[in-house]
Protein backbone atom coordinates (compact mmCIF):
# COMPACT_ATOMS: atom_id res chain seq x y z
CA LEU A 1 52.00 -96.33 -83.47
CA THR A 2 53.80 -95.25 -86.79
CA VAL A 3 52.67 -91.74 -86.74
CA THR A 4 53.76 -91.51 -83.05
CA LEU A 5 56.97 -92.81 -83.93
CA TYR A 6 57.37 -90.37 -86.62
CA LEU A 7 56.42 -87.55 -84.27
CA ALA A 8 58.83 -88.74 -81.66
CA ASP A 9 61.54 -88.76 -84.21
CA ARG A 10 60.71 -85.02 -85.11
CA LYS A 11 60.87 -84.06 -81.44
CA THR A 12 64.14 -85.81 -80.91
CA LYS A 13 65.68 -83.86 -83.89
CA LEU A 14 64.08 -80.60 -82.45
CA VAL A 15 65.32 -81.15 -78.79
CA GLU A 16 68.83 -82.18 -80.22
CA GLN A 17 68.89 -78.90 -82.07
CA MET A 18 67.55 -77.02 -78.98
CA ALA A 19 70.53 -78.57 -76.95
CA ARG A 20 73.22 -77.65 -79.40
CA GLU A 21 71.92 -74.04 -79.60
CA ALA A 22 71.93 -73.76 -75.68
CA GLU A 23 75.52 -75.40 -75.48
CA SER A 24 76.70 -72.88 -78.34
CA ARG A 25 75.21 -70.30 -76.29
CA CYS A 26 77.22 -71.35 -73.22
CA GLU A 27 80.44 -71.34 -75.22
CA VAL A 28 79.84 -67.77 -76.53
CA ILE A 29 79.00 -66.48 -73.02
CA GLU A 30 81.96 -68.39 -71.49
CA LEU A 31 84.35 -66.90 -74.17
CA GLU A 32 82.99 -63.39 -73.23
CA MET A 33 83.27 -64.03 -69.51
CA ASP A 34 87.09 -65.12 -70.08
CA ARG A 35 87.62 -61.90 -72.14
CA ILE A 36 86.16 -59.68 -69.47
CA SER A 37 88.18 -61.76 -66.64
CA HIS A 38 91.26 -61.07 -68.56
CA VAL A 39 90.73 -57.46 -68.82
CA HIS A 40 89.98 -57.43 -65.07
CA GLU A 41 93.48 -59.36 -64.39
CA LEU A 42 95.26 -56.80 -66.51
CA ARG A 43 93.92 -53.88 -64.67
CA LYS A 44 94.51 -55.70 -61.33
CA GLU A 45 98.24 -56.20 -62.48
CA ARG A 46 98.60 -52.67 -63.46
CA GLU A 47 97.27 -51.31 -60.26
CA GLU A 48 99.49 -53.76 -58.07
CA LYS A 49 102.47 -52.46 -59.91
CA GLY A 50 101.52 -48.91 -59.56
CA ARG A 51 101.22 -48.32 -63.32
CA LEU A 52 97.89 -46.59 -63.00
CA ASP A 53 98.83 -43.81 -65.45
CA ASP A 54 101.04 -46.04 -67.67
CA ASP A 55 99.85 -45.87 -71.25
CA SER A 56 101.88 -48.95 -72.24
CA ASP A 57 99.08 -51.49 -71.61
CA GLU A 58 96.81 -50.48 -74.63
CA GLU A 59 94.42 -53.42 -74.11
CA VAL A 60 93.42 -52.07 -70.78
CA ASP A 61 93.25 -48.61 -71.91
CA LEU A 62 91.03 -49.48 -74.76
CA HIS A 63 88.50 -51.03 -72.41
CA GLU A 64 88.78 -48.43 -69.63
CA GLY A 65 85.23 -47.15 -68.54
CA GLU A 66 83.42 -49.37 -71.01
CA GLU A 67 80.18 -50.67 -69.23
CA GLN A 68 80.72 -54.19 -70.63
CA TYR A 69 83.96 -54.61 -68.72
CA SER A 70 82.52 -53.86 -65.35
CA GLU A 71 82.19 -56.15 -62.37
CA THR A 72 78.35 -55.82 -62.54
CA TYR A 73 78.32 -56.81 -66.32
CA LEU A 74 80.60 -59.96 -65.34
CA VAL A 75 78.16 -60.90 -62.64
CA ARG A 76 75.26 -60.56 -64.89
CA LYS A 77 77.14 -62.71 -67.68
CA GLU A 78 77.81 -65.33 -64.96
CA ALA A 79 74.07 -65.53 -64.10
CA GLU A 80 73.18 -65.65 -67.76
CA PHE A 81 75.85 -68.42 -68.35
CA ASP A 82 74.31 -70.32 -65.23
CA LYS A 83 70.90 -70.13 -66.80
CA TRP A 84 72.13 -71.49 -70.21
CA VAL A 85 74.10 -74.26 -68.51
CA ARG A 86 70.97 -75.53 -66.70
CA LEU A 87 68.97 -75.31 -69.86
CA ALA A 88 71.47 -77.15 -72.06
CA ALA A 89 71.68 -79.83 -69.12
CA SER A 90 67.77 -79.97 -69.21
CA ARG A 91 67.75 -80.41 -72.99
CA ARG A 92 70.22 -83.16 -72.87
CA ASN A 93 67.99 -84.90 -70.33
CA GLU A 94 64.96 -84.48 -72.33
CA LEU A 95 66.81 -85.61 -75.41
CA LYS A 96 68.03 -88.83 -73.58
CA ASP A 97 64.17 -89.37 -72.38
CA THR A 98 62.94 -88.66 -75.88
CA THR A 99 65.31 -91.00 -77.27
CA ALA A 100 64.67 -93.77 -74.76
CA GLY A 101 60.88 -93.30 -75.38
CA SER A 102 61.24 -93.52 -79.13
CA GLU A 103 63.40 -96.73 -78.72
CA GLU A 104 60.73 -98.35 -76.62
CA MET A 105 57.97 -97.48 -79.05
CA ALA A 106 60.00 -99.08 -81.81
CA ARG A 107 60.53 -101.97 -79.85
CA LEU A 108 56.84 -102.47 -79.10
CA LYS A 109 56.01 -101.92 -82.85
CA ARG A 110 58.33 -104.75 -83.73
CA GLU A 111 56.71 -106.91 -81.24
CA LEU A 112 53.14 -106.16 -82.48
CA GLN A 113 54.29 -106.58 -86.05
CA SER A 114 55.85 -110.02 -84.99
CA GLU A 115 52.61 -111.02 -83.11
CA LYS A 116 50.40 -109.97 -86.14
CA ALA A 117 52.51 -111.95 -88.51
CA THR A 118 52.36 -115.24 -86.27
CA LYS A 119 48.70 -114.71 -85.81
CA GLN A 120 48.24 -114.39 -89.56
CA ARG A 121 50.39 -117.55 -90.22
CA LYS A 122 48.22 -119.39 -87.73
CA LEU A 123 45.03 -118.26 -89.21
CA ASP A 124 46.18 -119.11 -92.84
CA ASP A 125 47.02 -122.56 -91.46
CA LEU A 126 43.61 -123.08 -89.93
CA ARG A 127 42.04 -121.73 -93.30
CA ARG A 128 44.16 -124.19 -95.31
CA ASN A 129 43.26 -127.16 -93.16
CA GLY A 130 39.53 -126.11 -93.41
CA ILE A 131 39.11 -125.56 -89.80
CA VAL A 132 38.15 -121.91 -89.91
CA THR A 133 36.30 -120.40 -93.00
CA ASP A 134 35.71 -116.75 -94.04
CA THR A 135 32.23 -117.15 -92.89
CA ASP A 136 33.46 -118.22 -89.19
CA LEU A 137 35.74 -115.06 -89.33
CA LYS A 138 32.90 -112.81 -90.54
CA GLN A 139 30.62 -114.21 -87.70
CA HIS A 140 33.51 -113.79 -85.08
CA ASP A 141 33.98 -110.11 -86.14
CA GLU A 142 30.06 -109.56 -85.95
CA ASP A 143 30.12 -111.13 -82.41
CA LYS A 144 33.09 -108.83 -81.30
CA ALA A 145 31.12 -105.63 -82.65
CA VAL A 146 27.88 -106.71 -80.74
CA ALA A 147 30.05 -107.42 -77.44
CA ALA A 148 31.68 -104.04 -77.77
CA SER A 149 28.50 -102.26 -78.37
CA GLU A 150 26.91 -104.02 -75.18
CA GLU A 151 29.92 -103.25 -73.12
CA GLU A 152 29.50 -99.45 -74.11
CA GLU A 153 25.96 -99.56 -73.36
CA ARG A 154 26.67 -100.90 -69.84
CA ARG A 155 29.26 -98.29 -69.11
CA LEU A 156 26.72 -95.50 -70.16
CA ALA A 157 24.14 -96.99 -68.02
CA GLU A 158 26.64 -97.00 -64.98
CA HIS A 159 27.56 -93.56 -65.67
CA LYS A 160 24.05 -92.31 -65.69
CA GLU A 161 23.27 -94.24 -62.22
CA ARG A 162 26.07 -92.16 -60.57
């Protein structure tokens, strides 16, 4: 359980990093889409004012004819943005699930440790009072091993019969 908790913690950190990277990518694409939209708005504004040949709007002229400012490019960026938004949301959900799983495993580990400590205290009390001896415990362990072996043999025999 300790190793599982360690691995879950590593997974949580990796998923968190992947979620941040996806969110960062979303921000970059969103800024690029805003920039493209701004250029489109300037072009539209210029066309509406009949200033198609006016060189006063340098920002629009700098970008005229560039492929990265076309409508098609904007549509591709919107599709890419959608993909990254869904990926970021998926990573955040995965992070939430991983964190919840880790917390549940940690809770179970604490319960097992508490149960083990309680049983150890009871066993120590039984030993102190002479009710249980080390020989009794050794015999109990041997009996458990024999019972487990017999159970395994029974399962194998059932499996062969099928």
